[in-house]
PDB file of N, CA and C in Angstrom:
ATOM      1  N   UNK A   1      78.430 116.880 128.185  1.00  0.00           N
ATOM      2  CA  UNK A   1      78.193 115.958 127.087  1.00  0.00           C
ATOM      3  C   UNK A   1      77.250 116.603 126.083  1.00  0.00           C
ATOM      4  N   UNK A   2      77.395 116.202 124.853  1.00  0.00           N
ATOM      5  CA  UNK A   2      76.567 116.794 123.809  1.00  0.00           C
ATOM      6  C   UNK A   2      75.326 115.946 123.556  1.00  0.00           C
ATOM      7  N   UNK A   3      74.315 116.583 123.000  1.00  0.00           N
ATOM      8  CA  UNK A   3      73.097 115.873 122.629  1.00  0.00           C
ATOM      9  C   UNK A   3      73.323 115.142 121.310  1.00  0.00           C
ATOM     10  N   UNK A   4      72.411 114.232 121.012  1.00  0.00           N
ATOM     11  CA  UNK A   4      72.467 113.555 119.721  1.00  0.00           C
ATOM     12  C   UNK A   4      72.152 114.555 118.627  1.00  0.00           C
ATOM     13  N   UNK A   5      72.868 114.476 117.548  1.00  0.00           N
ATOM     14  CA  UNK A   5      72.635 115.339 116.410  1.00  0.00           C
ATOM     15  C   UNK A   5      72.234 114.458 115.235  1.00  0.00           C
ATOM     16  N   UNK A   6      71.072 114.718 114.681  1.00  0.00           N
ATOM     17  CA  UNK A   6      70.583 113.887 113.576  1.00  0.00           C
ATOM     18  C   UNK A   6      71.488 113.940 112.358  1.00  0.00           C
ATOM     19  N   UNK A   7      72.177 115.041 112.169  1.00  0.00           N
ATOM     20  CA  UNK A   7      73.034 115.163 110.992  1.00  0.00           C
ATOM     21  C   UNK A   7      74.262 114.274 111.077  1.00  0.00           C
ATOM     22  N   UNK A   8      74.671 113.887 112.266  1.00  0.00           N
ATOM     23  CA  UNK A   8      75.853 113.041 112.430  1.00  0.00           C
ATOM     24  C   UNK A   8      75.520 111.552 112.457  1.00  0.00           C
ATOM     25  N   UNK A   9      74.248 111.205 112.374  1.00  0.00           N
ATOM     26  CA  UNK A   9      73.842 109.803 112.430  1.00  0.00           C
ATOM     27  C   UNK A   9      73.935 109.166 111.051  1.00  0.00           C
ATOM     28  N   UNK A  10      74.121 107.842 111.005  1.00  0.00           N
ATOM     29  CA  UNK A  10      74.104 107.140 109.720  1.00  0.00           C
ATOM     30  C   UNK A  10      72.729 107.262 109.047  1.00  0.00           C
ATOM     31  N   UNK A  11      72.700 107.091 107.752  1.00  0.00           N
ATOM     32  CA  UNK A  11      71.476 107.265 106.979  1.00  0.00           C
ATOM     33  C   UNK A  11      70.339 106.353 107.398  1.00  0.00           C
ATOM     34  N   UNK A  12      70.642 105.077 107.665  1.00  0.00           N
ATOM     35  CA  UNK A  12      69.576 104.143 108.032  1.00  0.00           C
ATOM     36  C   UNK A  12      68.959 104.520 109.369  1.00  0.00           C
ATOM     37  N   UNK A  13      69.738 105.078 110.287  1.00  0.00           N
ATOM     38  CA  UNK A  13      69.214 105.481 111.589  1.00  0.00           C
ATOM     39  C   UNK A  13      68.335 106.721 111.462  1.00  0.00           C
ATOM     40  N   UNK A  14      68.740 107.665 110.621  1.00  0.00           N
ATOM     41  CA  UNK A  14      67.907 108.850 110.372  1.00  0.00           C
ATOM     42  C   UNK A  14      66.575 108.436 109.750  1.00  0.00           C
ATOM     43  N   UNK A  15      66.629 107.442 108.861  1.00  0.00           N
ATOM     44  CA  UNK A  15      65.416 106.960 108.212  1.00  0.00           C
ATOM     45  C   UNK A  15      64.448 106.357 109.231  1.00  0.00           C
ATOM     46  N   UNK A  16      64.955 105.506 110.117  1.00  0.00           N
ATOM     47  CA  UNK A  16      64.082 104.848 111.096  1.00  0.00           C
ATOM     48  C   UNK A  16      63.563 105.815 112.134  1.00  0.00           C
ATOM     49  N   UNK A  17      64.332 106.819 112.484  1.00  0.00           N
ATOM     50  CA  UNK A  17      63.829 107.845 113.400  1.00  0.00           C
ATOM     51  C   UNK A  17      62.700 108.619 112.737  1.00  0.00           C
ATOM     52  N   UNK A  18      62.849 108.924 111.457  1.00  0.00           N
ATOM     53  CA  UNK A  18      61.805 109.632 110.712  1.00  0.00           C
ATOM     54  C   UNK A  18      60.532 108.787 110.618  1.00  0.00           C
ATOM     55  N   UNK A  19      60.676 107.504 110.335  1.00  0.00           N
ATOM     56  CA  UNK A  19      59.514 106.610 110.250  1.00  0.00           C
ATOM     57  C   UNK A  19      58.817 106.514 111.602  1.00  0.00           C
ATOM     58  N   UNK A  20      59.579 106.377 112.662  1.00  0.00           N
ATOM     59  CA  UNK A  20      59.007 106.284 114.001  1.00  0.00           C
ATOM     60  C   UNK A  20      58.285 107.569 114.376  1.00  0.00           C
ATOM     61  N   UNK A  21      58.881 108.695 114.023  1.00  0.00           N
ATOM     62  CA  UNK A  21      58.286 109.986 114.334  1.00  0.00           C
ATOM     63  C   UNK A  21      56.924 110.150 113.659  1.00  0.00           C
ATOM     64  N   UNK A  22      56.791 109.643 112.439  1.00  0.00           N
ATOM     65  CA  UNK A  22      55.532 109.764 111.715  1.00  0.00           C
ATOM     66  C   UNK A  22      54.493 108.737 112.164  1.00  0.00           C
ATOM     67  N   UNK A  23      54.925 107.640 112.749  1.00  0.00           N
ATOM     68  CA  UNK A  23      54.002 106.577 113.146  1.00  0.00           C
ATOM     69  C   UNK A  23      53.506 106.710 114.575  1.00  0.00           C
ATOM     70  N   UNK A  24      54.060 107.621 115.357  1.00  0.00           N
ATOM     71  CA  UNK A  24      53.714 107.712 116.771  1.00  0.00           C
ATOM     72  C   UNK A  24      52.275 108.185 116.975  1.00  0.00           C
ATOM     73  N   UNK A  25      51.825 109.181 116.237  1.00  0.00           N
ATOM     74  CA  UNK A  25      50.474 109.726 116.434  1.00  0.00           C
ATOM     75  C   UNK A  25      49.386 108.678 116.183  1.00  0.00           C
ATOM     76  N   UNK A  26      49.410 107.934 115.065  1.00  0.00           N
ATOM     77  CA  UNK A  26      48.383 106.888 114.897  1.00  0.00           C
ATOM     78  C   UNK A  26      48.448 105.815 115.989  1.00  0.00           C
ATOM     79  N   UNK A  27      49.648 105.483 116.443  1.00  0.00           N
ATOM     80  CA  UNK A  27      49.769 104.502 117.523  1.00  0.00           C
ATOM     81  C   UNK A  27      49.185 105.034 118.827  1.00  0.00           C
ATOM     82  N   UNK A  28      49.396 106.317 119.115  1.00  0.00           N
ATOM     83  CA  UNK A  28      48.817 106.915 120.322  1.00  0.00           C
ATOM     84  C   UNK A  28      47.299 106.883 120.260  1.00  0.00           C
ATOM     85  N   UNK A  29      46.729 107.221 119.108  1.00  0.00           N
ATOM     86  CA  UNK A  29      45.272 107.221 118.960  1.00  0.00           C
ATOM     87  C   UNK A  29      44.717 105.812 119.136  1.00  0.00           C
ATOM     88  N   UNK A  30      45.347 104.836 118.493  1.00  0.00           N
ATOM     89  CA  UNK A  30      44.898 103.453 118.635  1.00  0.00           C
ATOM     90  C   UNK A  30      45.004 102.985 120.083  1.00  0.00           C
ATOM     91  N   UNK A  31      46.132 103.287 120.726  1.00  0.00           N
ATOM     92  CA  UNK A  31      46.338 102.838 122.095  1.00  0.00           C
ATOM     93  C   UNK A  31      45.386 103.541 123.059  1.00  0.00           C
ATOM     94  N   UNK A  32      45.056 104.798 122.796  1.00  0.00           N
ATOM     95  CA  UNK A  32      44.102 105.513 123.645  1.00  0.00           C
ATOM     96  C   UNK A  32      42.722 104.864 123.565  1.00  0.00           C
ATOM     97  N   UNK A  33      42.282 104.539 122.346  1.00  0.00           N
ATOM     98  CA  UNK A  33      40.980 103.883 122.185  1.00  0.00           C
ATOM     99  C   UNK A  33      40.994 102.516 122.865  1.00  0.00           C
ATOM    100  N   UNK A  34      42.077 101.783 122.700  1.00  0.00           N
ATOM    101  CA  UNK A  34      42.186 100.474 123.344  1.00  0.00           C
ATOM    102  C   UNK A  34      42.186 100.597 124.869  1.00  0.00           C
ATOM    103  N   UNK A  35      42.850 101.624 125.391  1.00  0.00           N
ATOM    104  CA  UNK A  35      42.899 101.828 126.835  1.00  0.00           C
ATOM    105  C   UNK A  35      41.525 102.201 127.379  1.00  0.00           C
ATOM    106  N   UNK A  36      40.757 102.982 126.626  1.00  0.00           N
ATOM    107  CA  UNK A  36      39.402 103.342 127.060  1.00  0.00           C
ATOM    108  C   UNK A  36      38.499 102.113 127.079  1.00  0.00           C
ATOM    109  N   UNK A  37      38.611 101.258 126.055  1.00  0.00           N
ATOM    110  CA  UNK A  37      37.726 100.097 125.959  1.00  0.00           C
ATOM    111  C   UNK A  37      38.142  98.957 126.881  1.00  0.00           C
ATOM    112  N   UNK A  38      39.423  98.648 126.939  1.00  0.00           N
ATOM    113  CA  UNK A  38      39.919  97.518 127.723  1.00  0.00           C
ATOM    114  C   UNK A  38      41.096  97.970 128.597  1.00  0.00           C
ATOM    115  N   UNK A  39      40.831  98.696 129.660  1.00  0.00           N
ATOM    116  CA  UNK A  39      41.953  99.233 130.453  1.00  0.00           C
ATOM    117  C   UNK A  39      42.714  98.138 131.204  1.00  0.00           C
ATOM    118  N   UNK A  40      44.022  98.230 131.142  1.00  0.00           N
ATOM    119  CA  UNK A  40      44.892  97.377 131.937  1.00  0.00           C
ATOM    120  C   UNK A  40      46.167  98.166 132.221  1.00  0.00           C
ATOM    121  N   UNK A  41      46.943  97.674 133.136  1.00  0.00           N
ATOM    122  CA  UNK A  41      48.178  98.373 133.507  1.00  0.00           C
ATOM    123  C   UNK A  41      49.127  98.446 132.314  1.00  0.00           C
ATOM    124  N   UNK A  42      49.238  97.373 131.555  1.00  0.00           N
ATOM    125  CA  UNK A  42      50.127  97.360 130.396  1.00  0.00           C
ATOM    126  C   UNK A  42      49.711  98.405 129.361  1.00  0.00           C
ATOM    127  N   UNK A  43      48.394  98.519 129.119  1.00  0.00           N
ATOM    128  CA  UNK A  43      47.907  99.512 128.163  1.00  0.00           C
ATOM    129  C   UNK A  43      48.222 100.929 128.619  1.00  0.00           C
ATOM    130  N   UNK A  44      48.056 101.195 129.888  1.00  0.00           N
ATOM    131  CA  UNK A  44      48.326 102.529 130.425  1.00  0.00           C
ATOM    132  C   UNK A  44      49.818 102.849 130.339  1.00  0.00           C
ATOM    133  N   UNK A  45      50.658 101.883 130.666  1.00  0.00           N
ATOM    134  CA  UNK A  45      52.098 102.106 130.576  1.00  0.00           C
ATOM    135  C   UNK A  45      52.550 102.309 129.131  1.00  0.00           C
ATOM    136  N   UNK A  46      51.991 101.531 128.218  1.00  0.00           N
ATOM    137  CA  UNK A  46      52.331 101.669 126.810  1.00  0.00           C
ATOM    138  C   UNK A  46      51.887 103.029 126.274  1.00  0.00           C
ATOM    139  N   UNK A  47      50.692 103.465 126.659  1.00  0.00           N
ATOM    140  CA  UNK A  47      50.214 104.780 126.239  1.00  0.00           C
ATOM    141  C   UNK A  47      51.106 105.881 126.802  1.00  0.00           C
ATOM    142  N   UNK A  48      51.505 105.763 128.052  1.00  0.00           N
ATOM    143  CA  UNK A  48      52.410 106.745 128.646  1.00  0.00           C
ATOM    144  C   UNK A  48      53.758 106.780 127.947  1.00  0.00           C
ATOM    145  N   UNK A  49      54.275 105.623 127.581  1.00  0.00           N
ATOM    146  CA  UNK A  49      55.543 105.560 126.859  1.00  0.00           C
ATOM    147  C   UNK A  49      55.452 106.182 125.477  1.00  0.00           C
ATOM    148  N   UNK A  50      54.341 105.945 124.783  1.00  0.00           N
ATOM    149  CA  UNK A  50      54.159 106.539 123.465  1.00  0.00           C
ATOM    150  C   UNK A  50      54.024 108.061 123.549  1.00  0.00           C
ATOM    151  N   UNK A  51      53.330 108.540 124.568  1.00  0.00           N
ATOM    152  CA  UNK A  51      53.196 109.986 124.754  1.00  0.00           C
ATOM    153  C   UNK A  51      54.551 110.601 125.087  1.00  0.00           C
ATOM    154  N   UNK A  52      55.340 109.933 125.911  1.00  0.00           N
ATOM    155  CA  UNK A  52      56.682 110.431 126.231  1.00  0.00           C
ATOM    156  C   UNK A  52      57.559 110.453 124.977  1.00  0.00           C
ATOM    157  N   UNK A  53      57.443 109.428 124.141  1.00  0.00           N
ATOM    158  CA  UNK A  53      58.196 109.394 122.889  1.00  0.00           C
ATOM    159  C   UNK A  53      57.784 110.542 121.972  1.00  0.00           C
ATOM    160  N   UNK A  54      56.476 110.814 121.910  1.00  0.00           N
ATOM    161  CA  UNK A  54      55.990 111.923 121.092  1.00  0.00           C
ATOM    162  C   UNK A  54      56.574 113.251 121.573  1.00  0.00           C
ATOM    163  N   UNK A  55      56.561 113.479 122.884  1.00  0.00           N
ATOM    164  CA  UNK A  55      57.093 114.742 123.402  1.00  0.00           C
ATOM    165  C   UNK A  55      58.606 114.833 123.234  1.00  0.00           C
ATOM    166  N   UNK A  56      59.292 113.709 123.255  1.00  0.00           N
ATOM    167  CA  UNK A  56      60.736 113.763 123.019  1.00  0.00           C
ATOM    168  C   UNK A  56      61.031 114.122 121.556  1.00  0.00           C
ATOM    169  N   UNK A  57      60.184 113.659 120.625  1.00  0.00           N
ATOM    170  CA  UNK A  57      60.359 114.060 119.237  1.00  0.00           C
ATOM    171  C   UNK A  57      60.008 115.527 119.043  1.00  0.00           C
ATOM    172  N   UNK A  58      59.023 116.025 119.782  1.00  0.00           N
ATOM    173  CA  UNK A  58      58.634 117.424 119.654  1.00  0.00           C
ATOM    174  C   UNK A  58      59.723 118.359 120.180  1.00  0.00           C
ATOM    175  N   UNK A  59      60.441 117.918 121.198  1.00  0.00           N
ATOM    176  CA  UNK A  59      61.513 118.766 121.732  1.00  0.00           C
ATOM    177  C   UNK A  59      62.788 118.631 120.927  1.00  0.00           C
ATOM    178  N   UNK A  60      62.792 117.740 119.940  1.00  0.00           N
ATOM    179  CA  UNK A  60      63.939 117.490 119.059  1.00  0.00           C
ATOM    180  C   UNK A  60      65.188 117.089 119.834  1.00  0.00           C
ATOM    181  N   UNK A  61      64.981 116.372 120.934  1.00  0.00           N
ATOM    182  CA  UNK A  61      66.139 115.897 121.694  1.00  0.00           C
ATOM    183  C   UNK A  61      66.762 114.669 121.039  1.00  0.00           C
ATOM    184  N   UNK A  62      66.004 113.989 120.180  1.00  0.00           N
ATOM    185  CA  UNK A  62      66.561 112.846 119.441  1.00  0.00           C
ATOM    186  C   UNK A  62      66.550 113.196 117.977  1.00  0.00           C
TER     187      UNK A  62
END
């Protein structure tokens, strides 16, 4: 099976992927500070998910 190719996606989807890619770092920073101040399982899972999303964008798999 082939990977997703950004060039074959519709324009609105490419736009939202680009917006998400640019918004992940500020969200990670905010969530990290929140996790340090008020730790809970949900905060830790959300931070882990955001970090995984960041690394998936860095590997250009999406």
